[in-house]
């Protein structure tokens, strides 16, 4: 399967830094903000954001949690095997908080919809924003748009966007895989900066 790099390790780091500074620009010292990573892959981005934000601000002010959405997905019964839920770690109320949901890739919007459903079990936030590393803006099935985007990707057909993490895959990078070969895939990758 052919693959075209969308973000190399250096660009990946710069993108995460930029997202952190955008959060600070909008929310100041992040007091009253809850950063919530969606299982399974959104938590890797949320953990990285948390670490970078703590370094920038010199302390941790925001609330942090990780949310499992397995049984809130509208397709969990259609998957081949019995779904394996992940762990939810959210030991505070979301009532009247500004919530930033975090996922690695936005594609159809169904993962985010499930995240919104799962989140409401923990309270009623004053606002909810969405932060994604990659926004695949074609093929959206639900009217969901991110507030913070690392990179937009316009992909076609059976192309996939894969986010790899230093912690689990040995390196930070984003790849566009499959579909058209050669210049056409490369042209799409140049256009902007996934898969759910």
Protein backbone atom coordinates (compact mmCIF):
# COMPACT_ATOMS: atom_id res chain seq x y z
CA UNK A 1 0.00 0.00 0.00
CA UNK A 2 1.44 3.37 -1.01
CA UNK A 3 1.65 6.10 1.61
CA UNK A 4 2.34 9.82 1.49
CA UNK A 5 3.52 11.64 4.62
CA UNK A 6 1.22 14.49 5.64
CA UNK A 7 3.06 15.42 8.83
CA UNK A 8 6.62 14.45 9.71
CA UNK A 9 7.84 14.35 13.31
CA UNK A 10 8.93 18.01 13.36
CA UNK A 11 5.74 19.29 11.74
CA UNK A 12 3.71 17.07 14.06
CA UNK A 13 5.28 18.71 17.11
CA UNK A 14 4.78 22.20 15.72
CA UNK A 15 1.13 21.42 15.00
CA UNK A 16 0.50 20.24 18.56
CA UNK A 17 2.23 23.36 19.91
CA UNK A 18 0.05 25.58 17.71
CA UNK A 19 -3.12 23.90 18.96
CA UNK A 20 -2.01 24.53 22.55
CA UNK A 21 -1.40 28.21 21.90
CA UNK A 22 -4.80 28.49 20.23
CA UNK A 23 -6.43 27.03 23.35
CA UNK A 24 -4.56 29.53 25.53
CA UNK A 25 -5.51 32.38 23.20
CA UNK A 26 -9.20 31.48 23.51
CA UNK A 27 -9.32 30.40 27.17
CA UNK A 28 -6.52 32.30 28.93
CA UNK A 29 -4.99 30.25 31.74
CA UNK A 30 -7.51 27.42 31.06
CA UNK A 31 -9.10 27.74 34.50
CA UNK A 32 -12.56 26.14 34.31
CA UNK A 33 -11.69 24.20 31.14
CA UNK A 34 -11.96 20.40 30.96
CA UNK A 35 -9.84 18.65 28.34
CA UNK A 36 -11.36 15.25 27.51
CA UNK A 37 -9.72 12.69 25.22
CA UNK A 38 -11.95 10.21 23.40
CA UNK A 39 -10.90 6.57 23.60
CA UNK A 40 -9.08 4.94 22.01
CA UNK A 41 -6.86 7.25 19.91
CA UNK A 42 -8.00 10.69 21.01
CA UNK A 43 -6.44 10.13 24.41
CA UNK A 44 -2.96 10.07 22.85
CA UNK A 45 -3.48 13.57 21.50
CA UNK A 46 -5.16 14.75 24.72
CA UNK A 47 -2.25 13.47 26.84
CA UNK A 48 0.23 15.25 24.58
CA UNK A 49 -1.76 18.50 24.70
CA UNK A 50 -1.95 18.27 28.50
CA UNK A 51 1.81 17.80 28.74
CA UNK A 52 2.63 20.69 26.40
CA UNK A 53 0.10 23.03 28.04
CA UNK A 54 1.56 22.29 31.46
CA UNK A 55 5.02 23.17 30.11
CA UNK A 56 3.81 26.44 28.57
CA UNK A 57 1.79 27.60 31.59
CA UNK A 58 4.21 26.25 34.20
CA UNK A 59 1.39 24.50 36.06
CA UNK A 60 -1.72 22.45 35.42
CA UNK A 61 -4.93 24.42 35.75
CA UNK A 62 -7.36 22.55 33.52
CA UNK A 63 -9.30 19.42 34.43
CA UNK A 64 -8.37 16.34 32.44
CA UNK A 65 -10.29 13.17 31.61
CA UNK A 66 -10.49 10.22 29.22
CA UNK A 67 -13.85 9.00 27.94
CA UNK A 68 -14.86 5.61 26.54
CA UNK A 69 -17.57 5.80 23.87
CA UNK A 70 -17.81 2.12 22.88
CA UNK A 71 -21.47 1.53 23.74
CA UNK A 72 -22.58 4.96 22.59
CA UNK A 73 -21.58 4.30 18.97
CA UNK A 74 -24.53 3.68 16.67
CA UNK A 75 -22.65 0.88 14.89
CA UNK A 76 -21.24 -1.13 17.81
CA UNK A 77 -23.68 -4.02 17.23
CA UNK A 78 -22.69 -4.21 13.55
CA UNK A 79 -19.01 -4.82 14.20
CA UNK A 80 -17.81 -8.37 13.66
CA UNK A 81 -16.75 -9.22 17.20
CA UNK A 82 -17.94 -8.16 20.62
CA UNK A 83 -16.58 -4.65 21.24
CA UNK A 84 -13.93 -4.25 23.90
CA UNK A 85 -14.62 -1.14 25.97
CA UNK A 86 -11.77 1.07 27.13
CA UNK A 87 -11.45 2.79 30.48
CA UNK A 88 -13.22 6.02 31.34
CA UNK A 89 -11.26 8.21 33.73
CA UNK A 90 -13.41 11.20 34.57
CA UNK A 91 -13.63 11.89 38.30
CA UNK A 92 -15.20 15.35 38.23
CA UNK A 93 -18.50 16.90 37.20
CA UNK A 94 -18.80 18.65 33.86
CA UNK A 95 -21.55 20.96 35.11
CA UNK A 96 -20.94 24.54 33.96
CA UNK A 97 -17.46 23.73 32.63
CA UNK A 98 -16.04 24.62 29.25
CA UNK A 99 -15.29 21.25 27.68
CA UNK A 100 -12.82 20.63 24.87
CA UNK A 101 -13.34 17.17 23.36
CA UNK A 102 -10.20 15.78 21.72
CA UNK A 103 -9.86 13.17 18.97
CA UNK A 104 -7.09 12.39 16.53
CA UNK A 105 -9.12 12.21 13.31
CA UNK A 106 -12.52 13.58 12.33
CA UNK A 107 -14.12 11.85 9.35
CA UNK A 108 -17.83 10.90 9.39
CA UNK A 109 -18.52 12.58 12.75
CA UNK A 110 -20.00 9.46 14.34
CA UNK A 111 -17.26 9.10 16.97
CA UNK A 112 -17.80 12.69 18.07
CA UNK A 113 -21.58 12.19 18.27
CA UNK A 114 -20.97 9.17 20.50
CA UNK A 115 -18.57 11.24 22.60
CA UNK A 116 -21.19 13.92 23.12
CA UNK A 117 -23.71 11.30 24.26
CA UNK A 118 -21.24 9.66 26.65
CA UNK A 119 -20.11 13.01 28.05
CA UNK A 120 -23.62 14.00 29.17
CA UNK A 121 -23.56 11.28 31.83
CA UNK A 122 -21.03 13.46 33.68
CA UNK A 123 -22.96 16.71 33.72
CA UNK A 124 -24.10 19.60 31.59
CA UNK A 125 -21.20 21.74 30.35
CA UNK A 126 -21.57 25.45 29.71
CA UNK A 127 -19.97 24.92 26.29
CA UNK A 128 -18.37 22.16 24.23
CA UNK A 129 -15.64 22.61 21.63
CA UNK A 130 -13.96 20.03 19.42
CA UNK A 131 -10.22 19.77 18.80
CA UNK A 132 -8.84 17.32 16.23
CA UNK A 133 -5.39 16.73 14.84
CA UNK A 134 -6.75 15.82 11.38
CA UNK A 135 -10.01 16.86 9.76
CA UNK A 136 -11.02 14.75 6.76
CA UNK A 137 -13.70 17.10 5.59
CA UNK A 138 -15.08 14.95 2.78
CA UNK A 139 -17.66 12.25 3.62
CA UNK A 140 -19.00 13.87 6.77
CA UNK A 141 -22.22 12.06 7.69
CA UNK A 142 -23.25 14.31 10.59
CA UNK A 143 -23.24 18.13 10.89
CA UNK A 144 -20.15 18.29 13.12
CA UNK A 145 -17.29 20.73 12.59
CA UNK A 146 -14.17 21.16 14.74
CA UNK A 147 -13.23 24.39 16.52
CA UNK A 148 -9.50 23.58 16.46
CA UNK A 149 -7.81 21.71 13.60
CA UNK A 150 -4.20 20.66 13.25
CA UNK A 151 -4.47 19.88 9.54
CA UNK A 152 -7.18 19.45 6.91
CA UNK A 153 -7.00 16.53 4.49
CA UNK A 154 -9.09 16.20 1.34
CA UNK A 155 -9.01 12.50 0.52
CA UNK A 156 -10.97 10.34 -1.90
CA UNK A 157 -12.23 6.78 -2.29
CA UNK A 158 -10.57 4.21 -0.09
CA UNK A 159 -7.74 6.43 1.09
CA UNK A 160 -7.02 6.32 4.81
CA UNK A 161 -5.31 8.72 7.13
CA UNK A 162 -3.16 7.08 9.80
CA UNK A 163 -1.85 8.95 12.85
CA UNK A 164 1.20 7.33 14.42
CA UNK A 165 2.44 8.22 17.91
CA UNK A 166 5.90 8.02 19.40
CA UNK A 167 4.45 6.33 22.49
CA UNK A 168 2.80 3.46 20.60
CA UNK A 169 4.28 3.42 17.08
CA UNK A 170 7.84 4.64 17.61
CA UNK A 171 7.46 8.00 15.82
CA UNK A 172 5.08 10.92 15.51
CA UNK A 173 3.74 11.22 11.97
CA UNK A 174 0.60 11.28 9.84
CA UNK A 175 0.30 9.24 6.64
CA UNK A 176 -2.17 9.21 3.75
CA UNK A 177 -2.49 5.60 2.58
CA UNK A 178 -4.03 3.77 -0.36
CA UNK A 179 -6.12 5.13 -3.20
CA UNK A 180 -4.53 6.92 -6.14
CA UNK A 181 -0.80 6.50 -6.59
CA UNK A 182 1.87 9.02 -7.42
CA UNK A 183 1.19 12.69 -8.07
CA UNK A 184 -2.55 12.60 -7.45
CA UNK A 185 -2.14 11.30 -3.88
CA UNK A 186 0.72 13.72 -3.33
CA UNK A 187 -1.39 16.63 -4.58
CA UNK A 188 -4.15 15.73 -2.12
CA UNK A 189 -1.66 15.58 0.72
CA UNK A 190 -0.35 19.02 -0.14
CA UNK A 191 -3.86 20.47 -0.05
CA UNK A 192 -4.30 20.53 3.71
CA UNK A 193 -4.21 18.49 7.12
CA UNK A 194 -8.37 11.19 9.19
CA UNK A 195 -10.44 8.17 10.04
CA UNK A 196 -13.70 8.06 11.86
